[in-house]
Amino acid sequence: MAIYDVVPASLDGSPLDADEIRGKAALIVNVASRCGLTPQYETLETIYERYRDRGFTVLGVPCNQFGQQEPGTPEEIVSFCSVTYGVTFPMTEKVDVNGPQRHPLYQELTATPDGEGEAGDIQWNFEKFLVSPEGQVVARFRPPVTPDSEAVVSAIESVLPA
């Protein structure tokens, strides 16, 4: 199954246009506005701007499961992200990434192991999954790995379609 077959709705609740990610390399990240890792939004936006013209996107997936660090409404999340970090990449509705209400997207993503071979639950906010233009998960990066790290950038460049 391709990842774009199970993408959540947009942050405003409308269906997310699958063309936002279909045929592109995509970095899918569970995000939160009140986390110590929240400054990664800025780096995600930088990576998005650097590669978007080459067939790349970032997909932010708000989640409130870790320390209740994403309590905001959709409007509050949009405002915070755009005003504080200049975020322009697509964002989905708030979803659960672990547990019995885990969104189908994360049922697919969490089957992918990280660099040490460990699959399973999301550890914290800002866990990253790189998806190929064909919709297959090709890499998983744990929360402390920054979006501009050599490992992430190299992986992105290896799957860019253009």
N, C-alpha and C. Protein backbone atom coordinates (compact mmCIF):
# COMPACT_ATOMS: atom_id res chain seq x y z
N MET A 1 0.84 -1.18 0.00
CA MET A 1 0.00 0.00 0.00
C MET A 1 0.88 1.24 0.00
N ALA A 2 0.54 2.19 -0.82
CA ALA A 2 1.26 3.46 -0.85
C ALA A 2 0.78 4.35 0.28
N ILE A 3 1.70 5.07 0.87
CA ILE A 3 1.38 5.95 2.00
C ILE A 3 0.30 6.95 1.64
N TYR A 4 0.31 7.46 0.42
CA TYR A 4 -0.67 8.50 0.10
C TYR A 4 -2.09 7.97 0.04
N ASP A 5 -2.26 6.66 0.18
CA ASP A 5 -3.61 6.09 0.25
C ASP A 5 -4.23 6.20 1.64
N VAL A 6 -3.42 6.56 2.64
CA VAL A 6 -3.91 6.63 4.03
C VAL A 6 -3.56 7.94 4.72
N VAL A 7 -3.45 9.01 3.96
CA VAL A 7 -3.08 10.31 4.53
C VAL A 7 -4.28 10.93 5.25
N PRO A 8 -4.06 11.49 6.45
CA PRO A 8 -5.16 12.16 7.17
C PRO A 8 -5.68 13.37 6.40
N ALA A 9 -6.80 13.89 6.86
CA ALA A 9 -7.36 15.12 6.29
C ALA A 9 -6.42 16.29 6.57
N SER A 10 -6.64 17.38 5.88
CA SER A 10 -5.87 18.62 6.13
C SER A 10 -6.19 19.15 7.52
N LEU A 11 -5.36 20.05 8.00
CA LEU A 11 -5.54 20.62 9.33
C LEU A 11 -6.90 21.28 9.48
N ASP A 12 -7.44 21.83 8.40
CA ASP A 12 -8.75 22.47 8.48
C ASP A 12 -9.90 21.47 8.37
N GLY A 13 -9.59 20.17 8.28
CA GLY A 13 -10.61 19.13 8.23
C GLY A 13 -11.03 18.73 6.83
N SER A 14 -10.63 19.48 5.82
CA SER A 14 -10.97 19.12 4.45
C SER A 14 -10.05 18.00 3.98
N PRO A 15 -10.47 17.25 2.96
CA PRO A 15 -9.59 16.18 2.47
C PRO A 15 -8.26 16.75 1.99
N LEU A 16 -7.18 16.07 2.34
CA LEU A 16 -5.87 16.49 1.87
C LEU A 16 -5.72 16.01 0.43
N ASP A 17 -5.34 16.90 -0.44
CA ASP A 17 -5.14 16.55 -1.84
C ASP A 17 -3.95 15.61 -1.92
N ALA A 18 -4.18 14.37 -2.35
CA ALA A 18 -3.11 13.38 -2.43
C ALA A 18 -1.97 13.85 -3.33
N ASP A 19 -2.26 14.77 -4.24
CA ASP A 19 -1.21 15.30 -5.11
C ASP A 19 -0.20 16.15 -4.34
N GLU A 20 -0.52 16.50 -3.08
CA GLU A 20 0.44 17.21 -2.24
C GLU A 20 1.67 16.33 -2.00
N ILE A 21 1.49 14.99 -2.01
CA ILE A 21 2.61 14.09 -1.77
C ILE A 21 2.81 13.05 -2.87
N ARG A 22 1.79 12.71 -3.60
CA ARG A 22 1.91 11.67 -4.63
C ARG A 22 2.98 12.07 -5.65
N GLY A 23 3.89 11.13 -5.93
CA GLY A 23 4.93 11.38 -6.91
C GLY A 23 6.08 12.25 -6.40
N LYS A 24 6.06 12.56 -5.11
CA LYS A 24 7.12 13.38 -4.52
C LYS A 24 7.82 12.59 -3.42
N ALA A 25 9.03 12.96 -3.14
CA ALA A 25 9.67 12.49 -1.91
C ALA A 25 9.03 13.30 -0.79
N ALA A 26 8.70 12.67 0.30
CA ALA A 26 8.02 13.37 1.39
C ALA A 26 8.63 13.00 2.74
N LEU A 27 8.83 14.00 3.57
CA LEU A 27 9.26 13.78 4.94
C LEU A 27 8.03 14.00 5.81
N ILE A 28 7.54 12.92 6.41
CA ILE A 28 6.35 12.97 7.25
C ILE A 28 6.80 13.02 8.70
N VAL A 29 6.30 14.03 9.43
CA VAL A 29 6.80 14.31 10.78
C VAL A 29 5.63 14.57 11.72
N ASN A 30 5.59 13.84 12.85
CA ASN A 30 4.59 14.18 13.87
C ASN A 30 5.12 15.38 14.65
N VAL A 31 4.32 16.43 14.69
CA VAL A 31 4.77 17.73 15.21
C VAL A 31 3.96 18.16 16.43
N ALA A 32 4.55 19.10 17.18
CA ALA A 32 3.89 19.67 18.36
C ALA A 32 4.42 21.07 18.59
N SER A 33 3.57 21.95 19.07
CA SER A 33 3.91 23.36 19.23
C SER A 33 4.56 23.73 20.56
N ARG A 34 4.48 22.83 21.54
CA ARG A 34 4.98 23.18 22.88
C ARG A 34 6.02 22.16 23.37
N CYS A 35 6.91 21.79 22.50
CA CYS A 35 7.90 20.75 22.77
C CYS A 35 9.29 21.36 22.71
N GLY A 36 10.22 20.77 23.40
CA GLY A 36 11.60 21.23 23.30
C GLY A 36 12.16 21.09 21.90
N LEU A 37 11.56 20.22 21.09
CA LEU A 37 12.02 20.01 19.72
C LEU A 37 11.26 20.89 18.71
N THR A 38 10.32 21.70 19.18
CA THR A 38 9.51 22.54 18.29
C THR A 38 10.34 23.41 17.35
N PRO A 39 11.53 23.89 17.74
CA PRO A 39 12.33 24.66 16.78
C PRO A 39 12.68 23.88 15.50
N GLN A 40 12.48 22.57 15.49
CA GLN A 40 12.71 21.81 14.26
C GLN A 40 11.76 22.28 13.15
N TYR A 41 10.65 22.92 13.50
CA TYR A 41 9.76 23.49 12.48
C TYR A 41 10.56 24.37 11.52
N GLU A 42 11.43 25.20 12.07
CA GLU A 42 12.21 26.12 11.23
C GLU A 42 13.09 25.36 10.25
N THR A 43 13.74 24.31 10.73
CA THR A 43 14.61 23.51 9.86
C THR A 43 13.79 22.72 8.85
N LEU A 44 12.64 22.23 9.25
CA LEU A 44 11.75 21.54 8.30
C LEU A 44 11.34 22.48 7.17
N GLU A 45 11.02 23.72 7.52
CA GLU A 45 10.65 24.70 6.49
C GLU A 45 11.83 24.99 5.57
N THR A 46 13.02 25.10 6.12
CA THR A 46 14.22 25.34 5.30
C THR A 46 14.45 24.19 4.32
N ILE A 47 14.34 22.96 4.80
CA ILE A 47 14.52 21.78 3.93
C ILE A 47 13.42 21.76 2.86
N TYR A 48 12.21 22.07 3.26
CA TYR A 48 11.09 22.12 2.32
C TYR A 48 11.37 23.13 1.21
N GLU A 49 11.78 24.33 1.59
CA GLU A 49 12.06 25.36 0.60
C GLU A 49 13.22 24.98 -0.31
N ARG A 50 14.23 24.32 0.26
CA ARG A 50 15.42 23.94 -0.52
C ARG A 50 15.08 22.93 -1.61
N TYR A 51 14.20 21.98 -1.31
CA TYR A 51 13.97 20.86 -2.24
C TYR A 51 12.59 20.81 -2.90
N ARG A 52 11.68 21.68 -2.54
CA ARG A 52 10.32 21.55 -3.07
C ARG A 52 10.24 21.66 -4.59
N ASP A 53 11.10 22.44 -5.20
CA ASP A 53 11.09 22.55 -6.66
C ASP A 53 11.70 21.33 -7.34
N ARG A 54 12.23 20.42 -6.53
CA ARG A 54 12.82 19.19 -7.07
C ARG A 54 11.94 17.98 -6.75
N GLY A 55 10.69 18.21 -6.39
CA GLY A 55 9.77 17.10 -6.14
C GLY A 55 9.81 16.59 -4.71
N PHE A 56 9.89 17.50 -3.75
CA PHE A 56 9.94 17.14 -2.33
C PHE A 56 8.92 17.94 -1.55
N THR A 57 8.40 17.32 -0.51
CA THR A 57 7.52 18.03 0.41
C THR A 57 7.74 17.54 1.83
N VAL A 58 7.31 18.34 2.76
CA VAL A 58 7.23 17.97 4.17
C VAL A 58 5.74 17.88 4.48
N LEU A 59 5.36 16.91 5.28
CA LEU A 59 3.97 16.80 5.74
C LEU A 59 3.99 16.78 7.25
N GLY A 60 3.51 17.87 7.87
CA GLY A 60 3.44 17.96 9.31
C GLY A 60 2.16 17.31 9.81
N VAL A 61 2.29 16.46 10.84
CA VAL A 61 1.15 15.74 11.40
C VAL A 61 1.06 16.06 12.89
N PRO A 62 0.24 17.05 13.27
CA PRO A 62 0.12 17.39 14.68
C PRO A 62 -0.38 16.21 15.52
N CYS A 63 0.19 16.09 16.70
CA CYS A 63 -0.17 15.01 17.62
C CYS A 63 -0.06 15.53 19.05
N ASN A 64 -1.03 15.18 19.87
CA ASN A 64 -1.06 15.65 21.26
C ASN A 64 -0.80 14.52 22.26
N GLN A 65 -0.18 13.43 21.81
CA GLN A 65 0.01 12.26 22.67
C GLN A 65 1.23 12.31 23.57
N PHE A 66 2.13 13.24 23.35
CA PHE A 66 3.37 13.28 24.11
C PHE A 66 3.39 14.52 24.99
N GLY A 67 3.08 14.33 26.26
CA GLY A 67 3.09 15.43 27.21
C GLY A 67 2.06 16.51 26.92
N GLN A 68 1.01 16.16 26.15
CA GLN A 68 -0.03 17.13 25.80
C GLN A 68 0.59 18.40 25.22
N GLN A 69 1.58 18.23 24.33
CA GLN A 69 2.33 19.37 23.82
C GLN A 69 1.77 19.95 22.51
N GLU A 70 0.62 19.44 22.08
CA GLU A 70 -0.07 20.04 20.93
C GLU A 70 -1.56 20.16 21.26
N PRO A 71 -1.90 21.02 22.25
CA PRO A 71 -3.29 21.14 22.69
C PRO A 71 -4.14 22.06 21.82
N GLY A 72 -3.53 22.78 20.91
CA GLY A 72 -4.23 23.83 20.19
C GLY A 72 -5.29 23.36 19.22
N THR A 73 -6.16 24.30 18.87
CA THR A 73 -7.14 24.08 17.81
C THR A 73 -6.42 24.16 16.47
N PRO A 74 -7.05 23.72 15.41
CA PRO A 74 -6.42 23.87 14.09
C PRO A 74 -6.01 25.31 13.80
N GLU A 75 -6.85 26.25 14.14
CA GLU A 75 -6.54 27.65 13.88
C GLU A 75 -5.33 28.11 14.69
N GLU A 76 -5.25 27.68 15.95
CA GLU A 76 -4.10 28.04 16.79
C GLU A 76 -2.81 27.42 16.26
N ILE A 77 -2.90 26.18 15.79
CA ILE A 77 -1.71 25.50 15.25
C ILE A 77 -1.22 26.23 14.00
N VAL A 78 -2.14 26.54 13.08
CA VAL A 78 -1.76 27.26 11.86
C VAL A 78 -1.12 28.59 12.20
N SER A 79 -1.74 29.33 13.08
CA SER A 79 -1.22 30.64 13.45
C SER A 79 0.16 30.53 14.07
N PHE A 80 0.32 29.63 15.02
CA PHE A 80 1.61 29.45 15.68
C PHE A 80 2.70 29.09 14.68
N CYS A 81 2.42 28.11 13.83
CA CYS A 81 3.43 27.63 12.88
C CYS A 81 3.81 28.69 11.86
N SER A 82 2.83 29.40 11.34
CA SER A 82 3.13 30.39 10.31
C SER A 82 3.79 31.63 10.90
N VAL A 83 3.31 32.10 12.03
CA VAL A 83 3.86 33.32 12.62
C VAL A 83 5.23 33.06 13.25
N THR A 84 5.37 31.97 13.98
CA THR A 84 6.61 31.72 14.72
C THR A 84 7.72 31.16 13.83
N TYR A 85 7.35 30.26 12.90
CA TYR A 85 8.37 29.57 12.12
C TYR A 85 8.21 29.73 10.61
N GLY A 86 7.24 30.47 10.15
CA GLY A 86 7.06 30.68 8.72
C GLY A 86 6.70 29.43 7.95
N VAL A 87 6.03 28.50 8.60
CA VAL A 87 5.71 27.21 7.98
C VAL A 87 4.75 27.40 6.80
N THR A 88 5.12 26.83 5.67
CA THR A 88 4.25 26.84 4.48
C THR A 88 3.98 25.43 3.96
N PHE A 89 4.63 24.43 4.52
CA PHE A 89 4.40 23.06 4.05
C PHE A 89 3.05 22.55 4.55
N PRO A 90 2.48 21.53 3.89
CA PRO A 90 1.16 21.03 4.27
C PRO A 90 1.14 20.44 5.68
N MET A 91 0.00 20.61 6.33
CA MET A 91 -0.22 20.05 7.67
C MET A 91 -1.54 19.28 7.64
N THR A 92 -1.56 18.19 8.40
CA THR A 92 -2.78 17.38 8.49
C THR A 92 -3.54 17.73 9.76
N GLU A 93 -4.71 17.12 9.88
CA GLU A 93 -5.45 17.20 11.13
C GLU A 93 -4.64 16.54 12.24
N LYS A 94 -4.98 16.84 13.47
CA LYS A 94 -4.33 16.24 14.62
C LYS A 94 -4.75 14.77 14.71
N VAL A 95 -3.77 13.87 14.88
CA VAL A 95 -4.07 12.44 14.95
C VAL A 95 -3.29 11.78 16.08
N ASP A 96 -3.69 10.56 16.42
CA ASP A 96 -2.92 9.71 17.31
C ASP A 96 -1.92 8.92 16.47
N VAL A 97 -0.69 8.84 16.95
CA VAL A 97 0.35 8.11 16.23
C VAL A 97 0.68 6.78 16.91
N ASN A 98 0.21 6.60 18.13
CA ASN A 98 0.40 5.37 18.90
C ASN A 98 -0.94 4.95 19.50
N GLY A 99 -1.00 3.72 19.99
CA GLY A 99 -2.15 3.26 20.74
C GLY A 99 -3.30 2.78 19.88
N PRO A 100 -4.42 2.47 20.54
CA PRO A 100 -5.56 1.85 19.85
C PRO A 100 -6.23 2.75 18.81
N GLN A 101 -6.05 4.06 18.93
CA GLN A 101 -6.64 4.99 17.96
C GLN A 101 -5.61 5.48 16.94
N ARG A 102 -4.50 4.75 16.83
CA ARG A 102 -3.44 5.13 15.90
C ARG A 102 -4.01 5.28 14.49
N HIS A 103 -3.71 6.40 13.85
CA HIS A 103 -4.20 6.65 12.50
C HIS A 103 -3.60 5.62 11.53
N PRO A 104 -4.35 5.19 10.51
CA PRO A 104 -3.83 4.22 9.54
C PRO A 104 -2.49 4.63 8.91
N LEU A 105 -2.26 5.92 8.73
CA LEU A 105 -0.96 6.35 8.21
C LEU A 105 0.16 5.87 9.12
N TYR A 106 -0.03 6.03 10.43
CA TYR A 106 1.01 5.64 11.38
C TYR A 106 1.03 4.13 11.61
N GLN A 107 -0.04 3.42 11.30
CA GLN A 107 0.03 1.96 11.31
C GLN A 107 1.02 1.51 10.25
N GLU A 108 1.01 2.17 9.10
CA GLU A 108 1.97 1.87 8.03
C GLU A 108 3.38 2.33 8.39
N LEU A 109 3.50 3.57 8.84
CA LEU A 109 4.82 4.14 9.10
C LEU A 109 5.58 3.40 10.20
N THR A 110 4.90 3.07 11.28
CA THR A 110 5.60 2.48 12.43
C THR A 110 6.10 1.06 12.17
N ALA A 111 5.71 0.46 11.07
CA ALA A 111 6.25 -0.86 10.70
C ALA A 111 7.68 -0.73 10.17
N THR A 112 8.10 0.48 9.86
CA THR A 112 9.43 0.72 9.31
C THR A 112 10.45 0.85 10.44
N PRO A 113 11.56 0.11 10.36
CA PRO A 113 12.59 0.24 11.39
C PRO A 113 13.45 1.48 11.18
N ASP A 114 14.03 1.94 12.29
CA ASP A 114 14.98 3.05 12.21
C ASP A 114 16.36 2.51 11.82
N GLY A 115 17.38 3.34 11.90
CA GLY A 115 18.72 2.94 11.51
C GLY A 115 19.31 1.81 12.33
N GLU A 116 18.80 1.60 13.53
CA GLU A 116 19.27 0.50 14.37
C GLU A 116 18.40 -0.73 14.25
N GLY A 117 17.44 -0.70 13.33
CA GLY A 117 16.58 -1.87 13.10
C GLY A 117 15.37 -1.95 14.00
N GLU A 118 15.06 -0.89 14.73
CA GLU A 118 13.92 -0.91 15.66
C GLU A 118 12.69 -0.26 15.02
N ALA A 119 11.63 -1.04 14.91
CA ALA A 119 10.34 -0.54 14.42
C ALA A 119 9.44 -0.33 15.64
N GLY A 120 8.18 -0.02 15.40
CA GLY A 120 7.23 0.10 16.50
C GLY A 120 6.85 1.54 16.80
N ASP A 121 6.35 1.73 18.00
CA ASP A 121 5.77 3.01 18.41
C ASP A 121 6.68 4.21 18.16
N ILE A 122 6.01 5.34 17.94
CA ILE A 122 6.69 6.62 17.85
C ILE A 122 7.21 6.94 19.25
N GLN A 123 8.46 7.41 19.35
CA GLN A 123 9.05 7.67 20.66
C GLN A 123 8.66 9.03 21.24
N TRP A 124 8.51 10.04 20.38
CA TRP A 124 8.23 11.39 20.86
C TRP A 124 7.86 12.25 19.66
N ASN A 125 7.61 13.52 19.90
CA ASN A 125 7.34 14.47 18.83
C ASN A 125 8.54 14.56 17.89
N PHE A 126 8.27 14.87 16.64
CA PHE A 126 9.27 15.12 15.60
C PHE A 126 10.03 13.87 15.16
N GLU A 127 9.34 12.73 15.18
CA GLU A 127 9.90 11.54 14.54
C GLU A 127 9.62 11.68 13.04
N LYS A 128 10.61 11.33 12.23
CA LYS A 128 10.54 11.61 10.79
C LYS A 128 10.58 10.33 9.96
N PHE A 129 9.75 10.30 8.91
CA PHE A 129 9.73 9.18 7.97
C PHE A 129 9.90 9.74 6.57
N LEU A 130 10.84 9.21 5.83
CA LEU A 130 11.04 9.62 4.46
C LEU A 130 10.32 8.63 3.55
N VAL A 131 9.48 9.17 2.67
CA VAL A 131 8.68 8.36 1.76
C VAL A 131 9.13 8.67 0.34
N SER A 132 9.28 7.62 -0.46
CA SER A 132 9.71 7.78 -1.85
C SER A 132 8.57 8.32 -2.70
N PRO A 133 8.86 8.81 -3.90
CA PRO A 133 7.80 9.28 -4.80
C PRO A 133 6.77 8.19 -5.13
N GLU A 134 7.14 6.93 -4.96
CA GLU A 134 6.21 5.82 -5.20
C GLU A 134 5.34 5.51 -3.99
N GLY A 135 5.56 6.23 -2.88
CA GLY A 135 4.74 6.05 -1.69
C GLY A 135 5.24 5.00 -0.72
N GLN A 136 6.49 4.59 -0.86
CA GLN A 136 7.08 3.59 0.03
C GLN A 136 7.96 4.26 1.07
N VAL A 137 7.87 3.80 2.32
CA VAL A 137 8.70 4.35 3.38
C VAL A 137 10.12 3.82 3.19
N VAL A 138 11.08 4.74 3.10
CA VAL A 138 12.46 4.33 2.84
C VAL A 138 13.42 4.62 4.00
N ALA A 139 13.02 5.45 4.95
CA ALA A 139 13.89 5.74 6.09
C ALA A 139 13.07 6.27 7.25
N ARG A 140 13.60 6.03 8.44
CA ARG A 140 12.97 6.51 9.68
C ARG A 140 14.05 7.16 10.53
N PHE A 141 13.75 8.35 11.04
CA PHE A 141 14.69 9.09 11.86
C PHE A 141 14.01 9.45 13.17
N ARG A 142 14.65 9.12 14.27
CA ARG A 142 14.09 9.40 15.60
C ARG A 142 14.10 10.90 15.89
N PRO A 143 13.33 11.33 16.89
CA PRO A 143 13.13 12.76 17.16
C PRO A 143 14.39 13.62 17.27
N PRO A 144 15.45 13.16 17.94
CA PRO A 144 16.61 14.06 18.08
C PRO A 144 17.36 14.33 16.77
N VAL A 145 17.15 13.50 15.75
CA VAL A 145 17.84 13.70 14.48
C VAL A 145 17.20 14.91 13.79
N THR A 146 17.99 15.93 13.55
CA THR A 146 17.45 17.16 12.97
C THR A 146 17.22 17.00 11.48
N PRO A 147 16.24 17.72 10.94
CA PRO A 147 15.91 17.60 9.52
C PRO A 147 17.05 17.99 8.58
N ASP A 148 18.01 18.78 9.08
CA ASP A 148 19.13 19.17 8.23
C ASP A 148 20.40 18.35 8.51
N SER A 149 20.25 17.25 9.25
CA SER A 149 21.41 16.40 9.52
C SER A 149 21.88 15.76 8.21
N GLU A 150 23.12 15.37 8.17
CA GLU A 150 23.67 14.74 6.97
C GLU A 150 22.87 13.50 6.58
N ALA A 151 22.47 12.71 7.57
CA ALA A 151 21.73 11.48 7.29
C ALA A 151 20.39 11.78 6.61
N VAL A 152 19.66 12.76 7.10
CA VAL A 152 18.36 13.09 6.53
C VAL A 152 18.53 13.72 5.15
N VAL A 153 19.42 14.67 5.02
CA VAL A 153 19.62 15.34 3.73
C VAL A 153 20.08 14.34 2.67
N SER A 154 21.00 13.48 3.03
CA SER A 154 21.49 12.47 2.08
C SER A 154 20.35 11.54 1.64
N ALA A 155 19.53 11.13 2.60
CA ALA A 155 18.40 10.25 2.27
C ALA A 155 17.41 10.96 1.36
N ILE A 156 17.11 12.23 1.64
CA ILE A 156 16.20 13.01 0.79
C ILE A 156 16.76 13.08 -0.63
N GLU A 157 18.01 13.46 -0.74
CA GLU A 157 18.61 13.61 -2.07
C GLU A 157 18.63 12.30 -2.85
N SER A 158 18.70 11.18 -2.14
CA SER A 158 18.74 9.89 -2.84
C SER A 158 17.40 9.49 -3.44
N VAL A 159 16.31 10.11 -3.01
CA VAL A 159 14.98 9.72 -3.53
C VAL A 159 14.25 10.82 -4.27
N LEU A 160 14.91 11.96 -4.47
CA LEU A 160 14.24 13.05 -5.20
C LEU A 160 13.90 12.59 -6.63
N PRO A 161 12.71 12.88 -7.08
CA PRO A 161 12.32 12.43 -8.41
C PRO A 161 12.89 13.28 -9.55
N ALA A 162 13.25 14.52 -9.25
CA ALA A 162 13.72 15.41 -10.32
C ALA A 162 15.06 16.02 -9.98
